[in-house]
Structures are given as structure tokens and as C-alpha cells.
Amino acid sequence: MGIMRIGVLGGTFNPIHSGHLHIARRIQRLFSLTQVHFVVASVPPHKPLENLISFSHRYAMVSLAVAGTSSFLPSMVELEPEASSFTIDTMAKLSGRVAQGRSALFFIAGGDSLMDVKSWKESETLLNSYNFVFAVRPGTDLTCLQDALPEQALTRLTDLRGLKRDKIRLKLARIKAGESRIYIVDVRAPDISATDIRNLAASGRTVAHLVPRPVYEYIHKLHLYGER
């Protein structure tokens, strides 16, 4: 039995939107991921808490958004003992409880996260222990990669931007099994931000075109973002 590849897409999901799902689908296909776990952040250490709605609402919206895709799984692993919002702790939990030595974990994040990954808890250990896939998003400047990554991590960087799917698959096939890498990909993510969605909803404008329909109905029904 071969090694399963499992994606881990973490975020505040305040709210989850079509951009998140686009990135998850495209990366799942490119990297042949068996599952993608959507890890809802409890108290994100690198983001302001202003306008952050409750975990229960954010988890509910993620569950609604992924309900139609059997390989997409909502996760509240950050709340499991020992509760922690740090990525290194989340990945250790998933590695022990999901991967169990038979799977490779791929942490998925936006390209903007790459620029502050050095500030993450035990960043060098984290980047050396798991695969990371950073998806370029509109407006992200990745011209200073050497400054963004710890020196040891640079040797494992694989930039897949500008390559067609066949070339990407060929490049991935050449990487040794069990070797953790850091990938940069361009999956043509739509220019959608949770901040814009919250602002639109608060002003009474529709966000139906930016989030899955069940998520839109949940937001609208409960007036989650102070709709007027």
C-alpha cells in the first residue's frame, strides 16, 4: 500500500469563501492528495482578533462549505488536547492521529503567509518536518524569498510558478519519496478576501457570489457580520 498524501488547509475562515475552496481543489489535483483537512483556527497567533466571530460559527460554515466533497474534512484539531493554535502543534497532532506513519502531510497556505513564516513558532523545525505548499494570491509579492525563509529551508524550495500541469507533475515525480519540500504554486486563485466579504455583508450588500450557497444562507440568516 502506497503512502497517502493528506492536505492541511488552516485558517480563521472568517468566513470560508470560494477562494479557499478553489485553492484546495487545485492543489488536491496537482499533488494527488487523498484528503484535505480544513483546520479552523481557534485563536490565530498572527492575526488581530478584531471582528473574529466565534469558533462554533466558523466551524459550522466550514462544515457547510465542504459537505458536498467527501475528501474535504472540517477539523477542530486545534481544540484537542493539548489545545494550541500553533501550526507546529497542529501538524504534530495530525501526524500522529491521521498520518500514523503511512501518510505525508502537506500544509497549504496562501503566498502571503510565506512572507512571515520565519516568525512562526519553531519555524525551522516545522519547515524541515513537513511539506508546505504556498499558493500565490493576487497582490502577493514574493520577490524576496531568500529573506522570507530560514537558510536551511531554501535548499528544499521548489518553485512551480509558470509551469503547466504536466511539467509540474513531472517535477513532482522526480522528488524522492519521504522527502519534505516547500513548494510555491500559482493556481490562479480568485481575488477574494474574508475582510472584503465581512465589509460587504455589514453594509447590506450581497456576498452570495463570493461564498458557497449554504455559507451565504448561514451568514444571512444569523446576521453574523452585522448586516444592516
Protein backbone atom coordinates (compact mmCIF):
# COMPACT_ATOMS: atom_id res chain seq x y z
CA MET A 1 0.00 0.00 0.00
CA GLY A 2 1.47 3.36 -1.03
CA ILE A 3 1.89 6.46 1.07
CA MET A 4 -1.25 8.59 1.25
CA ARG A 5 -0.91 12.33 0.75
CA ILE A 6 -3.02 14.46 3.06
CA GLY A 7 -3.51 18.20 2.70
CA VAL A 8 -3.91 20.52 5.69
CA LEU A 9 -5.50 23.89 4.94
CA GLY A 10 -5.56 26.06 8.04
CA GLY A 11 -7.20 29.41 8.53
CA THR A 12 -9.54 31.54 10.57
CA PHE A 13 -12.22 31.01 7.88
CA ASN A 14 -13.97 34.21 8.92
CA PRO A 15 -15.75 33.26 6.71
CA ILE A 16 -14.62 30.42 4.45
CA HIS A 17 -15.05 31.53 0.83
CA SER A 18 -14.77 30.37 -2.77
CA GLY A 19 -11.08 31.30 -2.89
CA HIS A 20 -10.26 28.80 -0.15
CA LEU A 21 -12.13 26.05 -1.98
CA HIS A 22 -10.50 26.91 -5.32
CA ILE A 23 -7.03 26.63 -3.79
CA ALA A 24 -7.90 23.35 -2.04
CA ARG A 25 -9.30 21.75 -5.21
CA ARG A 26 -6.45 22.81 -7.47
CA ILE A 27 -3.73 21.75 -5.04
CA GLN A 28 -5.51 18.48 -4.32
CA ARG A 29 -5.39 17.64 -8.03
CA LEU A 30 -1.80 18.79 -8.57
CA PHE A 31 -0.38 16.90 -5.60
CA SER A 32 -2.77 13.90 -5.75
CA LEU A 33 -3.99 14.48 -2.20
CA THR A 34 -6.32 11.83 -0.82
CA GLN A 35 -7.89 14.23 1.68
CA VAL A 36 -7.78 17.89 2.61
CA HIS A 37 -8.38 18.76 6.26
CA PHE A 38 -9.74 22.28 6.80
CA VAL A 39 -8.31 23.22 10.20
CA VAL A 40 -10.29 26.02 11.81
CA ALA A 41 -8.02 28.30 13.87
CA SER A 42 -9.10 28.83 17.46
CA VAL A 43 -7.13 31.95 18.37
CA PRO A 44 -4.74 32.71 15.48
CA PRO A 45 -1.37 33.93 16.85
CA HIS A 46 -0.53 36.10 13.82
CA LYS A 47 -3.85 37.82 13.16
CA PRO A 48 -5.79 40.50 15.08
CA LEU A 49 -8.83 39.24 16.98
CA GLU A 50 -10.97 42.22 15.98
CA ASN A 51 -14.09 41.11 14.07
CA LEU A 52 -13.31 37.44 14.72
CA ILE A 53 -16.62 35.65 15.26
CA SER A 54 -16.92 32.57 17.46
CA PHE A 55 -15.18 29.31 16.64
CA SER A 56 -18.52 27.49 16.54
CA HIS A 57 -19.85 29.71 13.74
CA ARG A 58 -16.63 29.47 11.72
CA TYR A 59 -16.52 25.69 12.11
CA ALA A 60 -20.19 25.43 11.12
CA MET A 61 -19.54 27.41 7.92
CA VAL A 62 -16.55 25.22 7.02
CA SER A 63 -18.68 22.12 7.58
CA LEU A 64 -21.38 23.51 5.28
CA ALA A 65 -18.84 24.51 2.62
CA VAL A 66 -17.19 21.09 2.37
CA ALA A 67 -20.26 18.90 2.90
CA GLY A 68 -20.54 18.04 -0.78
CA THR A 69 -16.95 16.81 -1.15
CA SER A 70 -16.15 13.55 0.66
CA SER A 71 -12.38 14.15 0.57
CA PHE A 72 -12.72 17.57 2.27
CA LEU A 73 -12.92 17.29 6.06
CA PRO A 74 -13.63 20.02 8.65
CA SER A 75 -11.25 19.84 11.59
CA MET A 76 -11.24 21.21 15.12
CA VAL A 77 -7.87 19.66 15.93
CA GLU A 78 -6.60 22.93 17.43
CA LEU A 79 -9.05 22.48 20.30
CA GLU A 80 -7.99 18.90 21.01
CA PRO A 81 -5.62 18.33 23.98
CA GLU A 82 -3.27 19.96 24.37
CA ALA A 83 -5.19 22.88 22.85
CA SER A 84 -2.85 25.05 20.77
CA SER A 85 -3.14 27.49 17.90
CA PHE A 86 0.44 27.00 16.70
CA THR A 87 0.97 25.22 13.37
CA ILE A 88 3.77 23.02 14.69
CA ASP A 89 1.43 21.60 17.35
CA THR A 90 -1.41 21.14 14.86
CA MET A 91 0.82 19.24 12.44
CA ALA A 92 2.21 17.04 15.22
CA LYS A 93 -1.33 16.08 16.25
CA LEU A 94 -2.38 15.30 12.69
CA SER A 95 0.83 13.40 12.04
CA GLY A 96 0.14 11.12 15.00
CA ARG A 97 -3.63 10.75 14.65
CA VAL A 98 -4.23 10.94 10.90
CA ALA A 99 -0.96 10.15 9.13
CA GLN A 100 0.26 7.47 11.59
CA GLY A 101 3.45 6.96 9.60
CA ARG A 102 1.60 5.91 6.44
CA SER A 103 0.91 9.36 5.06
CA ALA A 104 2.73 12.51 4.04
CA LEU A 105 1.28 15.81 5.25
CA PHE A 106 1.12 18.89 3.01
CA PHE A 107 0.38 22.15 4.79
CA ILE A 108 -1.39 24.53 2.40
CA ALA A 109 -1.27 28.29 2.84
CA GLY A 110 -1.54 31.50 0.86
CA GLY A 111 1.61 33.03 -0.57
CA ASP A 112 1.28 35.94 1.85
CA SER A 113 1.92 33.51 4.73
CA LEU A 114 5.30 32.68 3.22
CA MET A 115 6.50 36.20 3.94
CA ASP A 116 6.05 35.85 7.71
CA VAL A 117 6.72 32.13 8.17
CA LYS A 118 10.02 32.94 9.90
CA SER A 119 8.03 34.32 12.82
CA TRP A 120 6.06 31.10 13.33
CA LYS A 121 6.79 29.01 16.40
CA GLU A 122 9.82 26.74 15.78
CA SER A 123 9.67 27.66 12.09
CA GLU A 124 12.88 25.85 11.08
CA THR A 125 11.79 22.57 12.68
CA LEU A 126 8.33 22.98 11.18
CA LEU A 127 9.56 23.61 7.64
CA ASN A 128 12.04 20.74 7.86
CA SER A 129 9.46 18.23 9.11
CA TYR A 130 6.56 18.57 6.67
CA ASN A 131 5.70 19.50 3.11
CA PHE A 132 4.47 23.06 2.58
CA VAL A 133 2.53 24.36 -0.41
CA PHE A 134 2.26 28.14 -0.67
CA ALA A 135 -0.34 29.25 -3.22
CA VAL A 136 0.26 32.61 -4.86
CA ARG A 137 -2.62 35.02 -4.37
CA PRO A 138 -3.33 38.26 -6.25
CA GLY A 139 -1.17 41.11 -4.97
CA THR A 140 1.36 38.88 -3.17
CA ASP A 141 4.98 39.98 -3.60
CA LEU A 142 7.35 37.01 -3.46
CA THR A 143 10.47 38.72 -4.79
CA CYS A 144 12.46 38.32 -1.54
CA LEU A 145 12.20 34.59 -0.90
CA GLN A 146 15.75 34.39 0.44
CA ASP A 147 14.77 36.77 3.23
CA ALA A 148 11.45 35.06 3.90
CA LEU A 149 12.74 31.54 4.55
CA PRO A 150 15.29 30.20 7.05
CA GLU A 151 18.57 29.41 5.28
CA GLN A 152 18.26 25.62 5.63
CA ALA A 153 14.76 25.68 4.18
CA LEU A 154 15.90 27.40 0.98
CA THR A 155 17.66 24.23 -0.17
CA ARG A 156 14.30 22.42 -0.22
CA LEU A 157 12.38 25.11 -2.08
CA THR A 158 10.68 24.09 -5.35
CA ASP A 159 9.18 26.97 -7.32
CA LEU A 160 6.44 25.65 -9.62
CA ARG A 161 5.15 29.02 -10.80
CA GLY A 162 4.77 29.43 -14.54
CA LEU A 163 4.77 25.69 -15.24
CA LYS A 164 1.92 23.83 -16.90
CA ARG A 165 0.27 20.92 -15.09
CA ASP A 166 2.21 18.23 -16.99
CA LYS A 167 5.55 19.89 -16.18
CA ILE A 168 4.54 20.22 -12.53
CA ARG A 169 3.59 16.54 -12.32
CA LEU A 170 6.91 15.56 -13.94
CA LYS A 171 8.85 17.68 -11.48
CA LEU A 172 6.95 16.24 -8.51
CA ALA A 173 7.58 12.69 -9.73
CA ARG A 174 11.34 13.28 -9.57
CA ILE A 175 11.27 14.16 -5.88
CA LYS A 176 12.32 11.29 -3.62
CA ALA A 177 9.59 9.61 -1.60
CA GLY A 178 9.60 10.73 2.01
CA GLU A 179 11.50 13.94 1.26
CA SER A 180 9.73 17.02 2.65
CA ARG A 181 9.74 20.06 0.37
CA ILE A 182 8.50 23.64 0.22
CA TYR A 183 6.50 24.39 -2.91
CA ILE A 184 5.31 27.63 -4.45
CA VAL A 185 2.46 27.27 -6.93
CA ASP A 186 0.20 29.57 -8.90
CA VAL A 187 -3.29 28.09 -9.04
CA ARG A 188 -4.88 31.30 -10.32
CA ALA A 189 -6.67 31.92 -7.08
CA PRO A 190 -9.55 34.40 -7.36
CA ASP A 191 -9.05 37.79 -5.72
CA ILE A 192 -11.36 37.24 -2.74
CA SER A 193 -10.68 38.22 0.85
CA ALA A 194 -12.62 37.48 4.02
CA THR A 195 -12.20 41.13 5.05
CA ASP A 196 -14.00 42.33 1.93
CA ILE A 197 -16.77 39.78 2.50
CA ARG A 198 -17.30 40.98 6.07
CA ASN A 199 -17.39 44.60 4.95
CA LEU A 200 -19.85 43.87 2.14
CA ALA A 201 -22.11 41.88 4.44
CA ALA A 202 -22.01 44.57 7.12
CA SER A 203 -23.08 47.20 4.59
CA GLY A 204 -26.04 45.10 3.48
CA ARG A 205 -24.61 44.11 0.10
CA THR A 206 -24.79 40.52 -1.11
CA VAL A 207 -21.85 38.12 -0.78
CA ALA A 208 -23.64 35.24 -2.50
CA HIS A 209 -21.14 35.27 -5.37
CA LEU A 210 -18.13 35.01 -3.03
CA VAL A 211 -19.04 32.11 -0.74
CA PRO A 212 -20.74 28.72 -1.21
CA ARG A 213 -24.52 28.99 -1.16
CA PRO A 214 -25.02 27.22 2.21
CA VAL A 215 -22.44 29.58 3.78
CA TYR A 216 -24.21 32.62 2.33
CA GLU A 217 -27.53 31.44 3.77
CA TYR A 218 -25.93 30.83 7.17
CA ILE A 219 -24.36 34.30 7.25
CA HIS A 220 -27.55 35.96 6.05
CA LYS A 221 -29.87 34.09 8.39
CA LEU A 222 -27.81 34.76 11.54
CA HIS A 223 -26.60 38.28 10.57
CA LEU A 224 -23.09 37.20 11.52
CA TYR A 225 -21.33 40.32 10.32
CA GLY A 226 -23.77 42.97 11.47
CA GLU A 227 -25.78 43.29 8.26
CA ARG A 228 -27.95 46.36 8.13
